[in-house]
Amino acid sequence: MSELTYPVVISPLTHDDGGGFAATVPDLPGCMSDGETPEEALVNVRDAIDAWIAMARELGHAVPAPSRTLQRAVG
């Protein structure tokens, strides 16, 4: 698991969506994870970032640079 350098947006999931929290990475399209708590979602999204970057490199795609630092939007 790498150091977190990409901004992450953490937001609550509705009960209909299973509850917990979603963590999305705006700089990496489709990169997301979730967890029961904001902290768990953040830990899980680190693995998703690593997997996203590894797949992009494997496919020969460019990996975008992080646009800014970590964000946390929990409401």
PDB file of N, CA and C in Angstrom:
ATOM      1  N   MET A   1       0.852  -1.183   0.000  1.00  0.00           N
ATOM      2  CA  MET A   1       0.000   0.000   0.000  1.00  0.00           C
ATOM      3  C   MET A   1       0.889   1.235   0.000  1.00  0.00           C
ATOM      4  N   SER A   2       0.659   2.124  -0.939  1.00  0.00           N
ATOM      5  CA  SER A   2       1.486   3.309  -1.068  1.00  0.00           C
ATOM      6  C   SER A   2       0.975   4.446  -0.184  1.00  0.00           C
ATOM      7  N   GLU A   3       1.820   5.468  -0.053  1.00  0.00           N
ATOM      8  CA  GLU A   3       1.408   6.660   0.666  1.00  0.00           C
ATOM      9  C   GLU A   3       0.287   7.328  -0.125  1.00  0.00           C
ATOM     10  N   LEU A   4      -0.707   7.816   0.578  1.00  0.00           N
ATOM     11  CA  LEU A   4      -1.857   8.432  -0.076  1.00  0.00           C
ATOM     12  C   LEU A   4      -1.479   9.819  -0.572  1.00  0.00           C
ATOM     13  N   THR A   5      -1.481   9.998  -1.898  1.00  0.00           N
ATOM     14  CA  THR A   5      -1.166  11.298  -2.472  1.00  0.00           C
ATOM     15  C   THR A   5      -2.308  11.847  -3.306  1.00  0.00           C
ATOM     16  N   TYR A   6      -3.283  11.014  -3.635  1.00  0.00           N
ATOM     17  CA  TYR A   6      -4.428  11.460  -4.430  1.00  0.00           C
ATOM     18  C   TYR A   6      -5.529  11.954  -3.511  1.00  0.00           C
ATOM     19  N   PRO A   7      -6.258  12.978  -3.931  1.00  0.00           N
ATOM     20  CA  PRO A   7      -7.394  13.422  -3.124  1.00  0.00           C
ATOM     21  C   PRO A   7      -8.462  12.334  -3.111  1.00  0.00           C
ATOM     22  N   VAL A   8      -9.063  12.191  -1.961  1.00  0.00           N
ATOM     23  CA  VAL A   8     -10.124  11.200  -1.769  1.00  0.00           C
ATOM     24  C   VAL A   8     -11.326  11.916  -1.192  1.00  0.00           C
ATOM     25  N   VAL A   9     -12.493  11.612  -1.711  1.00  0.00           N
ATOM     26  CA  VAL A   9     -13.736  12.161  -1.184  1.00  0.00           C
ATOM     27  C   VAL A   9     -14.467  11.025  -0.489  1.00  0.00           C
ATOM     28  N   ILE A  10     -14.748  11.205   0.792  1.00  0.00           N
ATOM     29  CA  ILE A  10     -15.461  10.205   1.575  1.00  0.00           C
ATOM     30  C   ILE A  10     -16.835  10.753   1.886  1.00  0.00           C
ATOM     31  N   SER A  11     -17.855   9.960   1.562  1.00  0.00           N
ATOM     32  CA  SER A  11     -19.223  10.411   1.793  1.00  0.00           C
ATOM     33  C   SER A  11     -20.068   9.247   2.292  1.00  0.00           C
ATOM     34  N   PRO A  12     -21.091   9.546   3.083  1.00  0.00           N
ATOM     35  CA  PRO A  12     -21.941   8.485   3.621  1.00  0.00           C
ATOM     36  C   PRO A  12     -22.789   7.845   2.519  1.00  0.00           C
ATOM     37  N   LEU A  13     -23.013   6.545   2.664  1.00  0.00           N
ATOM     38  CA  LEU A  13     -23.912   5.817   1.771  1.00  0.00           C
ATOM     39  C   LEU A  13     -25.289   5.743   2.426  1.00  0.00           C
ATOM     40  N   THR A  14     -26.327   5.770   1.614  1.00  0.00           N
ATOM     41  CA  THR A  14     -27.677   5.653   2.156  1.00  0.00           C
ATOM     42  C   THR A  14     -27.917   4.233   2.651  1.00  0.00           C
ATOM     43  N   HIS A  15     -28.936   4.084   3.461  1.00  0.00           N
ATOM     44  CA  HIS A  15     -29.323   2.754   3.945  1.00  0.00           C
ATOM     45  C   HIS A  15     -29.633   1.837   2.761  1.00  0.00           C
ATOM     46  N   ASP A  16     -30.296   2.374   1.731  1.00  0.00           N
ATOM     47  CA  ASP A  16     -30.624   1.583   0.539  1.00  0.00           C
ATOM     48  C   ASP A  16     -29.380   1.107  -0.203  1.00  0.00           C
ATOM     49  N   ASP A  17     -28.279   1.856  -0.080  1.00  0.00           N
ATOM     50  CA  ASP A  17     -27.015   1.473  -0.712  1.00  0.00           C
ATOM     51  C   ASP A  17     -26.152   0.607   0.201  1.00  0.00           C
ATOM     52  N   GLY A  18     -26.688   0.231   1.346  1.00  0.00           N
ATOM     53  CA  GLY A  18     -25.972  -0.660   2.255  1.00  0.00           C
ATOM     54  C   GLY A  18     -25.344   0.015   3.453  1.00  0.00           C
ATOM     55  N   GLY A  19     -25.464   1.339   3.543  1.00  0.00           N
ATOM     56  CA  GLY A  19     -24.883   2.061   4.665  1.00  0.00           C
ATOM     57  C   GLY A  19     -23.368   2.140   4.561  1.00  0.00           C
ATOM     58  N   GLY A  20     -22.756   2.674   5.585  1.00  0.00           N
ATOM     59  CA  GLY A  20     -21.309   2.843   5.591  1.00  0.00           C
ATOM     60  C   GLY A  20     -20.901   4.085   4.827  1.00  0.00           C
ATOM     61  N   PHE A  21     -19.688   4.037   4.275  1.00  0.00           N
ATOM     62  CA  PHE A  21     -19.125   5.195   3.613  1.00  0.00           C
ATOM     63  C   PHE A  21     -18.458   4.792   2.307  1.00  0.00           C
ATOM     64  N   ALA A  22     -18.573   5.666   1.315  1.00  0.00           N
ATOM     65  CA  ALA A  22     -17.908   5.476   0.025  1.00  0.00           C
ATOM     66  C   ALA A  22     -16.687   6.379  -0.025  1.00  0.00           C
ATOM     67  N   ALA A  23     -15.612   5.865  -0.624  1.00  0.00           N
ATOM     68  CA  ALA A  23     -14.405   6.654  -0.843  1.00  0.00           C
ATOM     69  C   ALA A  23     -14.126   6.649  -2.340  1.00  0.00           C
ATOM     70  N   THR A  24     -14.110   7.819  -2.956  1.00  0.00           N
ATOM     71  CA  THR A  24     -13.859   7.922  -4.386  1.00  0.00           C
ATOM     72  C   THR A  24     -12.605   8.764  -4.625  1.00  0.00           C
ATOM     73  N   VAL A  25     -11.965   8.494  -5.760  1.00  0.00           N
ATOM     74  CA  VAL A  25     -10.725   9.182  -6.123  1.00  0.00           C
ATOM     75  C   VAL A  25     -10.989   9.910  -7.447  1.00  0.00           C
ATOM     76  N   PRO A  26     -11.341  11.196  -7.389  1.00  0.00           N
ATOM     77  CA  PRO A  26     -11.714  11.924  -8.600  1.00  0.00           C
ATOM     78  C   PRO A  26     -10.655  11.917  -9.701  1.00  0.00           C
ATOM     79  N   ASP A  27      -9.380  11.874  -9.338  1.00  0.00           N
ATOM     80  CA  ASP A  27      -8.314  11.894 -10.346  1.00  0.00           C
ATOM     81  C   ASP A  27      -8.174  10.580 -11.111  1.00  0.00           C
ATOM     82  N   LEU A  28      -8.734   9.496 -10.566  1.00  0.00           N
ATOM     83  CA  LEU A  28      -8.605   8.172 -11.175  1.00  0.00           C
ATOM     84  C   LEU A  28     -10.009   7.645 -11.481  1.00  0.00           C
ATOM     85  N   PRO A  29     -10.502   7.861 -12.678  1.00  0.00           N
ATOM     86  CA  PRO A  29     -11.883   7.496 -13.018  1.00  0.00           C
ATOM     87  C   PRO A  29     -12.216   6.043 -12.668  1.00  0.00           C
ATOM     88  N   GLY A  30     -13.304   5.888 -11.934  1.00  0.00           N
ATOM     89  CA  GLY A  30     -13.775   4.561 -11.551  1.00  0.00           C
ATOM     90  C   GLY A  30     -13.094   3.994 -10.323  1.00  0.00           C
ATOM     91  N   CYS A  31     -12.139   4.706  -9.753  1.00  0.00           N
ATOM     92  CA  CYS A  31     -11.424   4.214  -8.572  1.00  0.00           C
ATOM     93  C   CYS A  31     -12.230   4.575  -7.331  1.00  0.00           C
ATOM     94  N   MET A  32     -12.687   3.537  -6.621  1.00  0.00           N
ATOM     95  CA  MET A  32     -13.508   3.765  -5.436  1.00  0.00           C
ATOM     96  C   MET A  32     -13.479   2.545  -4.542  1.00  0.00           C
ATOM     97  N   SER A  33     -13.902   2.729  -3.329  1.00  0.00           N
ATOM     98  CA  SER A  33     -14.050   1.638  -2.380  1.00  0.00           C
ATOM     99  C   SER A  33     -15.057   2.080  -1.337  1.00  0.00           C
ATOM    100  N   ASP A  34     -15.274   1.235  -0.334  1.00  0.00           N
ATOM    101  CA  ASP A  34     -16.191   1.607   0.732  1.00  0.00           C
ATOM    102  C   ASP A  34     -15.751   0.950   2.033  1.00  0.00           C
ATOM    103  N   GLY A  35     -16.473   1.268   3.098  1.00  0.00           N
ATOM    104  CA  GLY A  35     -16.202   0.695   4.401  1.00  0.00           C
ATOM    105  C   GLY A  35     -17.306   1.052   5.369  1.00  0.00           C
ATOM    106  N   GLU A  36     -17.307   0.374   6.503  1.00  0.00           N
ATOM    107  CA  GLU A  36     -18.322   0.643   7.525  1.00  0.00           C
ATOM    108  C   GLU A  36     -18.122   2.007   8.184  1.00  0.00           C
ATOM    109  N   THR A  37     -16.879   2.467   8.242  1.00  0.00           N
ATOM    110  CA  THR A  37     -16.549   3.764   8.831  1.00  0.00           C
ATOM    111  C   THR A  37     -15.753   4.578   7.808  1.00  0.00           C
ATOM    112  N   PRO A  38     -15.657   5.891   8.006  1.00  0.00           N
ATOM    113  CA  PRO A  38     -14.817   6.682   7.093  1.00  0.00           C
ATOM    114  C   PRO A  38     -13.371   6.195   7.082  1.00  0.00           C
ATOM    115  N   GLU A  39     -12.869   5.816   8.252  1.00  0.00           N
ATOM    116  CA  GLU A  39     -11.494   5.341   8.350  1.00  0.00           C
ATOM    117  C   GLU A  39     -11.297   4.037   7.569  1.00  0.00           C
ATOM    118  N   GLU A  40     -12.250   3.129   7.661  1.00  0.00           N
ATOM    119  CA  GLU A  40     -12.165   1.863   6.917  1.00  0.00           C
ATOM    120  C   GLU A  40     -12.247   2.121   5.417  1.00  0.00           C
ATOM    121  N   ALA A  41     -13.112   3.030   5.005  1.00  0.00           N
ATOM    122  CA  ALA A  41     -13.214   3.366   3.583  1.00  0.00           C
ATOM    123  C   ALA A  41     -11.893   3.928   3.073  1.00  0.00           C
ATOM    124  N   LEU A  42     -11.226   4.746   3.877  1.00  0.00           N
ATOM    125  CA  LEU A  42      -9.948   5.319   3.482  1.00  0.00           C
ATOM    126  C   LEU A  42      -8.870   4.241   3.355  1.00  0.00           C
ATOM    127  N   VAL A  43      -8.814   3.325   4.307  1.00  0.00           N
ATOM    128  CA  VAL A  43      -7.858   2.215   4.226  1.00  0.00           C
ATOM    129  C   VAL A  43      -8.122   1.393   2.971  1.00  0.00           C
ATOM    130  N   ASN A  44      -9.387   1.087   2.702  1.00  0.00           N
ATOM    131  CA  ASN A  44      -9.743   0.263   1.551  1.00  0.00           C
ATOM    132  C   ASN A  44      -9.442   0.952   0.228  1.00  0.00           C
ATOM    133  N   VAL A  45      -9.631   2.258   0.163  1.00  0.00           N
ATOM    134  CA  VAL A  45      -9.404   2.955  -1.106  1.00  0.00           C
ATOM    135  C   VAL A  45      -7.917   3.015  -1.444  1.00  0.00           C
ATOM    136  N   ARG A  46      -7.061   2.917  -0.457  1.00  0.00           N
ATOM    137  CA  ARG A  46      -5.619   2.880  -0.741  1.00  0.00           C
ATOM    138  C   ARG A  46      -5.291   1.657  -1.607  1.00  0.00           C
ATOM    139  N   ASP A  47      -5.887   0.522  -1.276  1.00  0.00           N
ATOM    140  CA  ASP A  47      -5.682  -0.682  -2.085  1.00  0.00           C
ATOM    141  C   ASP A  47      -6.244  -0.490  -3.491  1.00  0.00           C
ATOM    142  N   ALA A  48      -7.398   0.180  -3.581  1.00  0.00           N
ATOM    143  CA  ALA A  48      -8.009   0.426  -4.891  1.00  0.00           C
ATOM    144  C   ALA A  48      -7.123   1.335  -5.740  1.00  0.00           C
ATOM    145  N   ILE A  49      -6.498   2.322  -5.124  1.00  0.00           N
ATOM    146  CA  ILE A  49      -5.584   3.217  -5.852  1.00  0.00           C
ATOM    147  C   ILE A  49      -4.405   2.417  -6.391  1.00  0.00           C
ATOM    148  N   ASP A  50      -3.809   1.590  -5.544  1.00  0.00           N
ATOM    149  CA  ASP A  50      -2.677   0.774  -5.986  1.00  0.00           C
ATOM    150  C   ASP A  50      -3.067  -0.125  -7.154  1.00  0.00           C
ATOM    151  N   ALA A  51      -4.250  -0.752  -7.061  1.00  0.00           N
ATOM    152  CA  ALA A  51      -4.720  -1.643  -8.126  1.00  0.00           C
ATOM    153  C   ALA A  51      -5.003  -0.855  -9.408  1.00  0.00           C
ATOM    154  N   TRP A  52      -5.596   0.325  -9.288  1.00  0.00           N
ATOM    155  CA  TRP A  52      -5.909   1.162 -10.455  1.00  0.00           C
ATOM    156  C   TRP A  52      -4.622   1.532 -11.180  1.00  0.00           C
ATOM    157  N   ILE A  53      -3.624   1.981 -10.421  1.00  0.00           N
ATOM    158  CA  ILE A  53      -2.357   2.391 -11.018  1.00  0.00           C
ATOM    159  C   ILE A  53      -1.657   1.205 -11.670  1.00  0.00           C
ATOM    160  N   ALA A  54      -1.648   0.057 -10.997  1.00  0.00           N
ATOM    161  CA  ALA A  54      -1.003  -1.135 -11.553  1.00  0.00           C
ATOM    162  C   ALA A  54      -1.659  -1.541 -12.867  1.00  0.00           C
ATOM    163  N   MET A  55      -2.978  -1.504 -12.933  1.00  0.00           N
ATOM    164  CA  MET A  55      -3.689  -1.900 -14.150  1.00  0.00           C
ATOM    165  C   MET A  55      -3.425  -0.902 -15.276  1.00  0.00           C
ATOM    166  N   ALA A  56      -3.438   0.389 -14.946  1.00  0.00           N
ATOM    167  CA  ALA A  56      -3.160   1.405 -15.966  1.00  0.00           C
ATOM    168  C   ALA A  56      -1.774   1.186 -16.557  1.00  0.00           C
ATOM    169  N   ARG A  57      -0.796   0.935 -15.729  1.00  0.00           N
ATOM    170  CA  ARG A  57       0.568   0.706 -16.212  1.00  0.00           C
ATOM    171  C   ARG A  57       0.643  -0.562 -17.049  1.00  0.00           C
ATOM    172  N   GLU A  58      -0.035  -1.608 -16.593  1.00  0.00           N
ATOM    173  CA  GLU A  58      -0.045  -2.875 -17.340  1.00  0.00           C
ATOM    174  C   GLU A  58      -0.624  -2.691 -18.736  1.00  0.00           C
ATOM    175  N   LEU A  59      -1.626  -1.838 -18.841  1.00  0.00           N
ATOM    176  CA  LEU A  59      -2.281  -1.582 -20.123  1.00  0.00           C
ATOM    177  C   LEU A  59      -1.569  -0.507 -20.943  1.00  0.00           C
ATOM    178  N   GLY A  60      -0.520   0.081 -20.380  1.00  0.00           N
ATOM    179  CA  GLY A  60       0.222   1.115 -21.082  1.00  0.00           C
ATOM    180  C   GLY A  60      -0.445   2.471 -21.063  1.00  0.00           C
ATOM    181  N   HIS A  61      -1.351   2.688 -20.125  1.00  0.00           N
ATOM    182  CA  HIS A  61      -2.051   3.969 -20.021  1.00  0.00           C
ATOM    183  C   HIS A  61      -1.286   4.904 -19.092  1.00  0.00           C
ATOM    184  N   ALA A  62      -1.431   6.178 -19.328  1.00  0.00           N
ATOM    185  CA  ALA A  62      -0.810   7.178 -18.463  1.00  0.00           C
ATOM    186  C   ALA A  62      -1.507   7.197 -17.102  1.00  0.00           C
ATOM    187  N   VAL A  63      -0.732   7.442 -16.072  1.00  0.00           N
ATOM    188  CA  VAL A  63      -1.289   7.588 -14.721  1.00  0.00           C
ATOM    189  C   VAL A  63      -1.277   9.078 -14.393  1.00  0.00           C
ATOM    190  N   PRO A  64      -2.457   9.658 -14.189  1.00  0.00           N
ATOM    191  CA  PRO A  64      -2.503  11.096 -13.919  1.00  0.00           C
ATOM    192  C   PRO A  64      -1.823  11.455 -12.600  1.00  0.00           C
ATOM    193  N   ALA A  65      -1.224  12.605 -12.571  1.00  0.00           N
ATOM    194  CA  ALA A  65      -0.644  13.115 -11.328  1.00  0.00           C
ATOM    195  C   ALA A  65      -1.774  13.539 -10.393  1.00  0.00           C
ATOM    196  N   PRO A  66      -1.541  13.463  -9.096  1.00  0.00           N
ATOM    197  CA  PRO A  66      -2.558  13.939  -8.144  1.00  0.00           C
ATOM    198  C   PRO A  66      -2.816  15.430  -8.347  1.00  0.00           C
ATOM    199  N   SER A  67      -4.080  15.818  -8.259  1.00  0.00           N
ATOM    200  CA  SER A  67      -4.426  17.222  -8.498  1.00  0.00           C
ATOM    201  C   SER A  67      -4.270  18.080  -7.246  1.00  0.00           C
ATOM    202  N   ARG A  68      -4.409  17.483  -6.087  1.00  0.00           N
ATOM    203  CA  ARG A  68      -4.294  18.239  -4.825  1.00  0.00           C
ATOM    204  C   ARG A  68      -4.227  17.246  -3.661  1.00  0.00           C
ATOM    205  N   THR A  69      -4.267  17.734  -2.453  1.00  0.00           N
ATOM    206  CA  THR A  69      -4.134  16.872  -1.286  1.00  0.00           C
ATOM    207  C   THR A  69      -5.460  16.281  -0.839  1.00  0.00           C
ATOM    208  N   LEU A  70      -5.386  15.412   0.139  1.00  0.00           N
ATOM    209  CA  LEU A  70      -6.536  14.675   0.673  1.00  0.00           C
ATOM    210  C   LEU A  70      -7.664  15.596   1.110  1.00  0.00           C
ATOM    211  N   GLN A  71      -8.896  15.191   0.772  1.00  0.00           N
ATOM    212  CA  GLN A  71     -10.099  15.887   1.218  1.00  0.00           C
ATOM    213  C   GLN A  71     -10.923  14.899   2.022  1.00  0.00           C
ATOM    214  N   ARG A  72     -11.723  15.394   2.898  1.00  0.00           N
ATOM    215  CA  ARG A  72     -12.627  14.521   3.625  1.00  0.00           C
ATOM    216  C   ARG A  72     -13.970  15.216   3.742  1.00  0.00           C
ATOM    217  N   ALA A  73     -14.977  14.692   3.066  1.00  0.00           N
ATOM    218  CA  ALA A  73     -16.304  15.288   3.100  1.00  0.00           C
ATOM    219  C   ALA A  73     -17.255  14.260   3.708  1.00  0.00           C
ATOM    220  N   VAL A  74     -17.462  14.368   4.991  1.00  0.00           N
ATOM    221  CA  VAL A  74     -18.357  13.446   5.679  1.00  0.00           C
ATOM    222  C   VAL A  74     -19.535  14.274   6.179  1.00  0.00           C
ATOM    223  N   GLY A  75     -20.736  13.857   5.804  1.00  0.00           N
ATOM    224  CA  GLY A  75     -21.881  14.655   6.168  1.00  0.00           C
ATOM    225  C   GLY A  75     -22.855  13.963   6.911  1.00  0.00           C
TER     226      GLY A  75
END
